[in-house]
Amino acid sequence: ARPMEHARGTIMVTSLATFRSDLNIVQIPGGVYASAKQDLAVNIDLSRLGCSGRRALTLEQPTQAAQDKFLQIYHLTPSTPFSLTVITLIKLVQSALFIFGCFPPAPELRDGLLCDITESGLQKWMAEIGEPVYDLEPSARILDDQVVAALLSSITAARQRL
């Protein structure tokens, strides 16, 4: 990709023929990323959590099967809007990782997107606390329900002791 100057800033331009095949192309309606950010984050989160199967990354609502799988894995009820539930759970995990020193202090990074930074924070927490204290085994899923339970309950337990 090469930078191209525009009145509103710099954009990266490339030919689709040279675009890496391991990256996804998602059409943003109207070109306004801010309006599509939450839908994109929810679909990325579900994909990385193993809830959406091999479905292509889109801005559409997650399938009912993906929603049911997410709610079942994390033992949640469908009482709140689904997108808000997914984003909030990831934000809670990111905040808990921050408290344990396994996530950067920048608040803008605690955005509910299950990104590489969150994954490396989870790996660090597992190595330092999860395995030795809670006897958790690393699993194929990036954010296992037992990991979420241990991570969030350790924060809750610390608060109760205070």
N, C-alpha and C. Protein backbone atom coordinates (compact mmCIF):
# COMPACT_ATOMS: atom_id res chain seq x y z
N ALA A 1 0.84 -1.18 0.00
CA ALA A 1 0.00 0.00 0.00
C ALA A 1 0.88 1.24 0.00
N ARG A 2 0.39 2.25 -0.65
CA ARG A 2 1.13 3.50 -0.68
C ARG A 2 0.23 4.60 -0.12
N PRO A 3 0.82 5.56 0.58
CA PRO A 3 0.01 6.65 1.15
C PRO A 3 -0.45 7.61 0.06
N MET A 4 -1.68 8.08 0.22
CA MET A 4 -2.23 9.07 -0.70
C MET A 4 -2.81 10.19 0.15
N GLU A 5 -2.36 11.40 -0.11
CA GLU A 5 -2.84 12.55 0.66
C GLU A 5 -4.23 12.94 0.19
N HIS A 6 -5.07 13.27 1.16
CA HIS A 6 -6.44 13.68 0.90
C HIS A 6 -6.70 14.91 1.75
N ALA A 7 -7.75 15.65 1.44
CA ALA A 7 -8.07 16.86 2.21
C ALA A 7 -8.30 16.55 3.69
N ARG A 8 -8.77 15.36 4.00
CA ARG A 8 -9.06 14.99 5.38
C ARG A 8 -7.94 14.19 6.03
N GLY A 9 -6.83 13.96 5.33
CA GLY A 9 -5.73 13.21 5.91
C GLY A 9 -5.12 12.26 4.89
N THR A 10 -4.40 11.29 5.39
CA THR A 10 -3.71 10.32 4.54
C THR A 10 -4.47 9.00 4.55
N ILE A 11 -4.66 8.44 3.36
CA ILE A 11 -5.25 7.11 3.27
C ILE A 11 -4.27 6.20 2.54
N MET A 12 -4.34 4.92 2.88
CA MET A 12 -3.48 3.94 2.24
C MET A 12 -4.22 3.33 1.06
N VAL A 13 -3.58 3.31 -0.10
CA VAL A 13 -4.20 2.84 -1.33
C VAL A 13 -3.40 1.66 -1.86
N THR A 14 -4.11 0.63 -2.31
CA THR A 14 -3.45 -0.53 -2.90
C THR A 14 -4.36 -1.16 -3.95
N SER A 15 -3.79 -1.99 -4.76
CA SER A 15 -4.55 -2.75 -5.74
C SER A 15 -5.04 -4.02 -5.05
N LEU A 16 -6.27 -4.43 -5.34
CA LEU A 16 -6.79 -5.65 -4.74
C LEU A 16 -5.98 -6.87 -5.15
N ALA A 17 -5.33 -6.81 -6.31
CA ALA A 17 -4.51 -7.93 -6.76
C ALA A 17 -3.30 -8.13 -5.86
N THR A 18 -2.82 -7.06 -5.22
CA THR A 18 -1.66 -7.17 -4.34
C THR A 18 -2.04 -7.22 -2.86
N PHE A 19 -3.33 -7.23 -2.58
CA PHE A 19 -3.81 -7.24 -1.20
C PHE A 19 -3.57 -8.62 -0.59
N ARG A 20 -3.02 -8.65 0.62
CA ARG A 20 -2.70 -9.93 1.27
C ARG A 20 -3.96 -10.76 1.47
N SER A 21 -3.87 -12.03 1.20
CA SER A 21 -5.03 -12.91 1.27
C SER A 21 -5.43 -13.25 2.71
N ASP A 22 -4.55 -13.03 3.67
CA ASP A 22 -4.90 -13.34 5.06
C ASP A 22 -5.64 -12.19 5.75
N LEU A 23 -5.86 -11.10 5.03
CA LEU A 23 -6.60 -9.97 5.58
C LEU A 23 -8.02 -9.97 5.02
N ASN A 24 -8.96 -9.42 5.78
CA ASN A 24 -10.35 -9.36 5.35
C ASN A 24 -10.68 -7.99 4.81
N ILE A 25 -11.51 -7.97 3.79
CA ILE A 25 -12.01 -6.71 3.24
C ILE A 25 -13.45 -6.58 3.69
N VAL A 26 -13.77 -5.47 4.35
CA VAL A 26 -15.13 -5.22 4.81
C VAL A 26 -15.56 -3.88 4.26
N GLN A 27 -16.66 -3.88 3.53
CA GLN A 27 -17.18 -2.63 3.00
C GLN A 27 -17.90 -1.87 4.11
N ILE A 28 -17.48 -0.63 4.33
CA ILE A 28 -18.07 0.23 5.35
C ILE A 28 -19.10 1.11 4.66
N PRO A 29 -20.39 0.96 4.98
CA PRO A 29 -21.42 1.77 4.33
C PRO A 29 -21.18 3.26 4.54
N GLY A 30 -21.14 3.99 3.45
CA GLY A 30 -20.93 5.43 3.52
C GLY A 30 -19.50 5.82 3.86
N GLY A 31 -18.65 4.84 4.11
CA GLY A 31 -17.26 5.12 4.42
C GLY A 31 -17.04 5.70 5.81
N VAL A 32 -18.05 5.67 6.67
CA VAL A 32 -17.94 6.23 8.02
C VAL A 32 -17.66 5.08 9.00
N TYR A 33 -16.40 4.94 9.38
CA TYR A 33 -15.99 3.84 10.24
C TYR A 33 -16.66 3.91 11.61
N ALA A 34 -16.81 5.10 12.14
CA ALA A 34 -17.38 5.24 13.49
C ALA A 34 -18.78 4.63 13.59
N SER A 35 -19.55 4.72 12.51
CA SER A 35 -20.91 4.18 12.55
C SER A 35 -20.92 2.65 12.47
N ALA A 36 -19.86 2.06 11.97
CA ALA A 36 -19.79 0.60 11.81
C ALA A 36 -18.89 -0.06 12.85
N LYS A 37 -18.25 0.73 13.69
CA LYS A 37 -17.23 0.21 14.60
C LYS A 37 -17.76 -0.87 15.55
N GLN A 38 -18.92 -0.64 16.17
CA GLN A 38 -19.43 -1.60 17.14
C GLN A 38 -19.83 -2.91 16.46
N ASP A 39 -20.52 -2.84 15.32
CA ASP A 39 -20.91 -4.06 14.61
C ASP A 39 -19.68 -4.85 14.18
N LEU A 40 -18.67 -4.15 13.72
CA LEU A 40 -17.44 -4.81 13.31
C LEU A 40 -16.74 -5.47 14.51
N ALA A 41 -16.68 -4.76 15.62
CA ALA A 41 -16.04 -5.29 16.83
C ALA A 41 -16.76 -6.54 17.33
N VAL A 42 -18.08 -6.52 17.33
CA VAL A 42 -18.86 -7.69 17.79
C VAL A 42 -18.56 -8.90 16.91
N ASN A 43 -18.55 -8.70 15.60
CA ASN A 43 -18.30 -9.82 14.69
C ASN A 43 -16.86 -10.33 14.79
N ILE A 44 -15.90 -9.43 15.00
CA ILE A 44 -14.52 -9.85 15.21
C ILE A 44 -14.41 -10.63 16.51
N ASP A 45 -15.04 -10.11 17.57
CA ASP A 45 -15.01 -10.79 18.87
C ASP A 45 -15.58 -12.20 18.76
N LEU A 46 -16.74 -12.33 18.14
CA LEU A 46 -17.37 -13.64 18.01
C LEU A 46 -16.52 -14.60 17.19
N SER A 47 -15.89 -14.07 16.17
CA SER A 47 -15.01 -14.90 15.34
C SER A 47 -13.82 -15.40 16.15
N ARG A 48 -13.18 -14.50 16.90
CA ARG A 48 -12.00 -14.88 17.68
C ARG A 48 -12.36 -15.77 18.87
N LEU A 49 -13.59 -15.68 19.34
CA LEU A 49 -14.05 -16.53 20.44
C LEU A 49 -14.50 -17.90 19.95
N GLY A 50 -14.54 -18.07 18.63
CA GLY A 50 -14.96 -19.36 18.06
C GLY A 50 -16.45 -19.56 18.06
N CYS A 51 -17.21 -18.48 18.08
CA CYS A 51 -18.67 -18.59 18.12
C CYS A 51 -19.33 -18.47 16.75
N SER A 52 -18.63 -17.94 15.77
CA SER A 52 -19.29 -17.68 14.49
C SER A 52 -18.88 -18.63 13.38
N GLY A 53 -18.13 -19.64 13.69
CA GLY A 53 -17.74 -20.60 12.66
C GLY A 53 -16.80 -19.98 11.63
N ARG A 54 -16.94 -20.42 10.40
CA ARG A 54 -16.08 -19.92 9.33
C ARG A 54 -16.73 -18.82 8.52
N ARG A 55 -17.72 -18.22 9.08
CA ARG A 55 -18.45 -17.17 8.40
C ARG A 55 -17.52 -15.99 8.09
N ALA A 56 -17.71 -15.40 6.92
CA ALA A 56 -16.90 -14.25 6.52
C ALA A 56 -17.22 -13.06 7.42
N LEU A 57 -16.24 -12.21 7.63
CA LEU A 57 -16.41 -11.03 8.46
C LEU A 57 -17.31 -10.02 7.74
N THR A 58 -18.41 -9.64 8.38
CA THR A 58 -19.35 -8.69 7.80
C THR A 58 -19.79 -7.71 8.88
N LEU A 59 -20.65 -6.79 8.47
CA LEU A 59 -21.24 -5.84 9.42
C LEU A 59 -22.67 -6.23 9.76
N GLU A 60 -23.10 -7.39 9.31
CA GLU A 60 -24.46 -7.85 9.58
C GLU A 60 -24.57 -8.34 11.02
N GLN A 61 -25.81 -8.41 11.49
CA GLN A 61 -26.06 -8.96 12.82
C GLN A 61 -25.53 -10.39 12.87
N PRO A 62 -24.96 -10.81 13.98
CA PRO A 62 -24.52 -12.20 14.10
C PRO A 62 -25.72 -13.14 13.96
N THR A 63 -25.47 -14.33 13.45
CA THR A 63 -26.55 -15.30 13.30
C THR A 63 -27.07 -15.70 14.68
N GLN A 64 -28.27 -16.23 14.69
CA GLN A 64 -28.86 -16.67 15.96
C GLN A 64 -28.03 -17.79 16.57
N ALA A 65 -27.46 -18.64 15.72
CA ALA A 65 -26.62 -19.73 16.23
C ALA A 65 -25.37 -19.19 16.92
N ALA A 66 -24.75 -18.15 16.35
CA ALA A 66 -23.57 -17.54 16.96
C ALA A 66 -23.94 -16.88 18.29
N GLN A 67 -25.08 -16.21 18.32
CA GLN A 67 -25.53 -15.58 19.56
C GLN A 67 -25.80 -16.62 20.64
N ASP A 68 -26.49 -17.69 20.26
CA ASP A 68 -26.80 -18.75 21.22
C ASP A 68 -25.52 -19.39 21.76
N LYS A 69 -24.56 -19.63 20.88
CA LYS A 69 -23.31 -20.26 21.30
C LYS A 69 -22.56 -19.37 22.29
N PHE A 70 -22.48 -18.06 22.00
CA PHE A 70 -21.82 -17.12 22.90
C PHE A 70 -22.50 -17.11 24.27
N LEU A 71 -23.82 -16.98 24.27
CA LEU A 71 -24.56 -16.93 25.53
C LEU A 71 -24.41 -18.23 26.32
N GLN A 72 -24.36 -19.36 25.61
CA GLN A 72 -24.21 -20.65 26.28
C GLN A 72 -22.81 -20.81 26.87
N ILE A 73 -21.78 -20.45 26.12
CA ILE A 73 -20.40 -20.61 26.58
C ILE A 73 -20.15 -19.81 27.86
N TYR A 74 -20.63 -18.56 27.88
CA TYR A 74 -20.34 -17.68 29.01
C TYR A 74 -21.48 -17.61 30.02
N HIS A 75 -22.47 -18.48 29.87
CA HIS A 75 -23.58 -18.61 30.83
C HIS A 75 -24.27 -17.26 31.06
N LEU A 76 -24.62 -16.59 29.96
CA LEU A 76 -25.28 -15.30 30.03
C LEU A 76 -26.72 -15.43 29.55
N THR A 77 -27.55 -14.48 29.94
CA THR A 77 -28.94 -14.49 29.49
C THR A 77 -29.12 -13.45 28.40
N PRO A 78 -30.10 -13.65 27.54
CA PRO A 78 -30.34 -12.69 26.46
C PRO A 78 -31.17 -11.49 26.90
N SER A 79 -31.00 -11.04 28.14
CA SER A 79 -31.84 -9.97 28.67
C SER A 79 -31.38 -8.57 28.24
N THR A 80 -30.16 -8.44 27.74
CA THR A 80 -29.67 -7.15 27.27
C THR A 80 -29.39 -7.24 25.78
N PRO A 81 -29.27 -6.10 25.10
CA PRO A 81 -28.94 -6.15 23.67
C PRO A 81 -27.65 -6.95 23.46
N PHE A 82 -27.68 -7.85 22.49
CA PHE A 82 -26.58 -8.79 22.30
C PHE A 82 -25.24 -8.09 22.07
N SER A 83 -25.21 -7.11 21.18
CA SER A 83 -23.95 -6.42 20.88
C SER A 83 -23.35 -5.79 22.13
N LEU A 84 -24.20 -5.19 22.94
CA LEU A 84 -23.74 -4.57 24.18
C LEU A 84 -23.17 -5.62 25.14
N THR A 85 -23.78 -6.79 25.18
CA THR A 85 -23.30 -7.87 26.05
C THR A 85 -21.90 -8.31 25.65
N VAL A 86 -21.68 -8.51 24.34
CA VAL A 86 -20.38 -8.96 23.85
C VAL A 86 -19.31 -7.91 24.16
N ILE A 87 -19.58 -6.66 23.79
CA ILE A 87 -18.61 -5.58 23.99
C ILE A 87 -18.30 -5.40 25.48
N THR A 88 -19.33 -5.44 26.32
CA THR A 88 -19.14 -5.23 27.76
C THR A 88 -18.33 -6.36 28.39
N LEU A 89 -18.57 -7.60 27.98
CA LEU A 89 -17.79 -8.71 28.52
C LEU A 89 -16.31 -8.54 28.19
N ILE A 90 -16.00 -8.17 26.96
CA ILE A 90 -14.60 -8.00 26.56
C ILE A 90 -14.00 -6.81 27.30
N LYS A 91 -14.77 -5.73 27.49
CA LYS A 91 -14.27 -4.58 28.26
C LYS A 91 -13.96 -4.97 29.70
N LEU A 92 -14.82 -5.80 30.29
CA LEU A 92 -14.57 -6.27 31.65
C LEU A 92 -13.28 -7.08 31.73
N VAL A 93 -13.08 -7.95 30.75
CA VAL A 93 -11.86 -8.75 30.71
C VAL A 93 -10.65 -7.84 30.55
N GLN A 94 -10.73 -6.85 29.65
CA GLN A 94 -9.61 -5.93 29.44
C GLN A 94 -9.33 -5.13 30.71
N SER A 95 -10.36 -4.68 31.40
CA SER A 95 -10.17 -3.92 32.64
C SER A 95 -9.55 -4.79 33.72
N ALA A 96 -10.00 -6.04 33.83
CA ALA A 96 -9.41 -6.95 34.82
C ALA A 96 -7.94 -7.22 34.50
N LEU A 97 -7.63 -7.40 33.23
CA LEU A 97 -6.23 -7.61 32.84
C LEU A 97 -5.39 -6.38 33.19
N PHE A 98 -5.96 -5.20 33.01
CA PHE A 98 -5.26 -3.96 33.36
C PHE A 98 -4.96 -3.92 34.86
N ILE A 99 -5.93 -4.31 35.68
CA ILE A 99 -5.73 -4.31 37.13
C ILE A 99 -4.58 -5.23 37.52
N PHE A 100 -4.43 -6.34 36.82
CA PHE A 100 -3.34 -7.28 37.09
C PHE A 100 -2.04 -6.90 36.39
N GLY A 101 -2.01 -5.77 35.70
CA GLY A 101 -0.80 -5.34 35.02
C GLY A 101 -0.52 -6.11 33.74
N CYS A 102 -1.54 -6.69 33.16
CA CYS A 102 -1.38 -7.49 31.94
C CYS A 102 -1.98 -6.81 30.72
N PHE A 103 -2.34 -5.54 30.85
CA PHE A 103 -2.95 -4.79 29.74
C PHE A 103 -2.47 -3.35 29.84
N PRO A 104 -2.22 -2.70 28.71
CA PRO A 104 -1.72 -1.31 28.75
C PRO A 104 -2.69 -0.36 29.46
N PRO A 105 -2.16 0.70 30.07
CA PRO A 105 -3.01 1.62 30.82
C PRO A 105 -3.87 2.55 29.95
N ALA A 106 -3.62 2.62 28.66
CA ALA A 106 -4.37 3.54 27.79
C ALA A 106 -5.86 3.16 27.76
N PRO A 107 -6.74 4.05 28.26
CA PRO A 107 -8.17 3.71 28.31
C PRO A 107 -8.79 3.48 26.93
N GLU A 108 -8.25 4.11 25.90
CA GLU A 108 -8.82 3.93 24.57
C GLU A 108 -8.61 2.51 24.03
N LEU A 109 -7.69 1.76 24.63
CA LEU A 109 -7.48 0.37 24.22
C LEU A 109 -8.50 -0.57 24.85
N ARG A 110 -9.14 -0.15 25.94
CA ARG A 110 -10.18 -0.97 26.57
C ARG A 110 -11.51 -0.64 25.89
N ASP A 111 -11.60 -1.09 24.63
CA ASP A 111 -12.73 -0.72 23.78
C ASP A 111 -13.69 -1.86 23.48
N GLY A 112 -13.44 -3.03 24.03
CA GLY A 112 -14.33 -4.16 23.78
C GLY A 112 -13.98 -4.97 22.56
N LEU A 113 -12.86 -4.66 21.92
CA LEU A 113 -12.41 -5.43 20.76
C LEU A 113 -11.39 -6.46 21.22
N LEU A 114 -11.65 -7.71 20.96
CA LEU A 114 -10.74 -8.79 21.34
C LEU A 114 -9.59 -8.82 20.34
N CYS A 115 -8.58 -8.01 20.63
CA CYS A 115 -7.46 -7.80 19.70
C CYS A 115 -6.24 -8.59 20.14
N ASP A 116 -5.15 -8.43 19.40
CA ASP A 116 -3.90 -9.13 19.73
C ASP A 116 -3.36 -8.68 21.09
N ILE A 117 -3.55 -7.41 21.44
CA ILE A 117 -3.08 -6.90 22.73
C ILE A 117 -3.82 -7.60 23.87
N THR A 118 -5.13 -7.77 23.70
CA THR A 118 -5.92 -8.47 24.71
C THR A 118 -5.48 -9.93 24.81
N GLU A 119 -5.24 -10.55 23.67
CA GLU A 119 -4.80 -11.95 23.66
C GLU A 119 -3.46 -12.11 24.37
N SER A 120 -2.51 -11.21 24.11
CA SER A 120 -1.21 -11.33 24.78
C SER A 120 -1.34 -11.05 26.28
N GLY A 121 -2.25 -10.15 26.67
CA GLY A 121 -2.52 -9.92 28.08
C GLY A 121 -3.11 -11.15 28.76
N LEU A 122 -4.00 -11.84 28.06
CA LEU A 122 -4.57 -13.07 28.59
C LEU A 122 -3.50 -14.15 28.75
N GLN A 123 -2.61 -14.25 27.78
CA GLN A 123 -1.53 -15.23 27.88
C GLN A 123 -0.61 -14.92 29.06
N LYS A 124 -0.33 -13.64 29.26
CA LYS A 124 0.51 -13.23 30.39
C LYS A 124 -0.19 -13.55 31.72
N TRP A 125 -1.49 -13.24 31.81
CA TRP A 125 -2.25 -13.51 33.03
C TRP A 125 -2.29 -15.01 33.30
N MET A 126 -2.51 -15.80 32.25
CA MET A 126 -2.54 -17.26 32.41
C MET A 126 -1.21 -17.77 32.96
N ALA A 127 -0.10 -17.26 32.41
CA ALA A 127 1.22 -17.73 32.84
C ALA A 127 1.54 -17.31 34.27
N GLU A 128 1.16 -16.08 34.63
CA GLU A 128 1.52 -15.54 35.94
C GLU A 128 0.53 -15.91 37.05
N ILE A 129 -0.76 -15.99 36.70
CA ILE A 129 -1.78 -16.18 37.73
C ILE A 129 -2.68 -17.38 37.45
N GLY A 130 -3.18 -17.47 36.25
CA GLY A 130 -4.15 -18.52 35.92
C GLY A 130 -3.67 -19.93 36.17
N GLU A 131 -2.50 -20.26 35.67
CA GLU A 131 -1.97 -21.62 35.85
C GLU A 131 -1.51 -21.88 37.28
N PRO A 132 -0.65 -20.99 37.86
CA PRO A 132 -0.16 -21.30 39.21
C PRO A 132 -1.21 -21.18 40.32
N VAL A 133 -2.10 -20.21 40.24
CA VAL A 133 -3.05 -19.97 41.33
C VAL A 133 -4.34 -20.77 41.15
N TYR A 134 -4.90 -20.74 39.94
CA TYR A 134 -6.20 -21.38 39.69
C TYR A 134 -6.08 -22.74 39.01
N ASP A 135 -4.86 -23.17 38.72
CA ASP A 135 -4.62 -24.46 38.07
C ASP A 135 -5.39 -24.58 36.75
N LEU A 136 -5.42 -23.49 36.00
CA LEU A 136 -6.09 -23.48 34.70
C LEU A 136 -5.13 -23.97 33.62
N GLU A 137 -5.67 -24.73 32.70
CA GLU A 137 -4.89 -25.22 31.57
C GLU A 137 -5.20 -24.36 30.35
N PRO A 138 -4.19 -23.99 29.57
CA PRO A 138 -4.47 -23.26 28.33
C PRO A 138 -5.33 -24.12 27.40
N SER A 139 -6.30 -23.50 26.76
CA SER A 139 -7.18 -24.23 25.85
C SER A 139 -7.08 -23.64 24.45
N ALA A 140 -7.73 -24.29 23.51
CA ALA A 140 -7.70 -23.83 22.13
C ALA A 140 -8.45 -22.51 21.98
N ARG A 141 -9.47 -22.31 22.80
CA ARG A 141 -10.25 -21.08 22.71
C ARG A 141 -9.49 -19.96 23.41
N ILE A 142 -9.43 -18.81 22.78
CA ILE A 142 -8.65 -17.68 23.29
C ILE A 142 -9.16 -17.22 24.66
N LEU A 143 -10.46 -17.29 24.88
CA LEU A 143 -11.05 -16.78 26.12
C LEU A 143 -12.05 -17.81 26.63
N ASP A 144 -11.55 -18.83 27.27
CA ASP A 144 -12.37 -19.92 27.79
C ASP A 144 -13.26 -19.41 28.92
N ASP A 145 -14.41 -20.03 29.11
CA ASP A 145 -15.32 -19.59 30.16
C ASP A 145 -14.71 -19.72 31.55
N GLN A 146 -13.86 -20.73 31.76
CA GLN A 146 -13.20 -20.88 33.06
C GLN A 146 -12.19 -19.76 33.30
N VAL A 147 -11.55 -19.30 32.25
CA VAL A 147 -10.60 -18.19 32.37
C VAL A 147 -11.35 -16.92 32.74
N VAL A 148 -12.48 -16.68 32.06
CA VAL A 148 -13.29 -15.49 32.38
C VAL A 148 -13.76 -15.55 33.83
N ALA A 149 -14.24 -16.70 34.25
CA ALA A 149 -14.73 -16.85 35.63
C ALA A 149 -13.61 -16.60 36.64
N ALA A 150 -12.44 -17.17 36.41
CA ALA A 150 -11.32 -16.99 37.34
C ALA A 150 -10.84 -15.55 37.35
N LEU A 151 -10.73 -14.95 36.19
CA LEU A 151 -10.24 -13.57 36.08
C LEU A 151 -11.18 -12.60 36.78
N LEU A 152 -12.48 -12.69 36.48
CA LEU A 152 -13.43 -11.76 37.08
C LEU A 152 -13.69 -12.06 38.55
N SER A 153 -13.69 -13.33 38.94
CA SER A 153 -13.92 -13.64 40.36
C SER A 153 -12.74 -13.23 41.22
N SER A 154 -11.54 -13.24 40.66
CA SER A 154 -10.38 -12.79 41.45
C SER A 154 -10.48 -11.30 41.74
N ILE A 155 -11.00 -10.54 40.81
CA ILE A 155 -11.22 -9.10 41.04
C ILE A 155 -12.32 -8.91 42.09
N THR A 156 -13.40 -9.66 41.94
CA THR A 156 -14.51 -9.55 42.89
C THR A 156 -14.08 -9.97 44.29
N ALA A 157 -13.30 -11.03 44.39
CA ALA A 157 -12.83 -11.50 45.69
C ALA A 157 -11.92 -10.47 46.35
N ALA A 158 -11.07 -9.85 45.56
CA ALA A 158 -10.18 -8.82 46.11
C ALA A 158 -11.00 -7.63 46.63
N ARG A 159 -12.04 -7.27 45.90
CA ARG A 159 -12.89 -6.17 46.33
C ARG A 159 -13.62 -6.52 47.63
N GLN A 160 -14.09 -7.75 47.75
CA GLN A 160 -14.80 -8.17 48.96
C GLN A 160 -13.89 -8.15 50.19
N ARG A 161 -12.61 -8.46 49.98
CA ARG A 161 -11.66 -8.46 51.10
C ARG A 161 -11.35 -7.05 51.57
N LEU A 162 -11.50 -6.08 50.67
CA LEU A 162 -11.23 -4.69 51.06
C LEU A 162 -12.39 -4.19 51.85
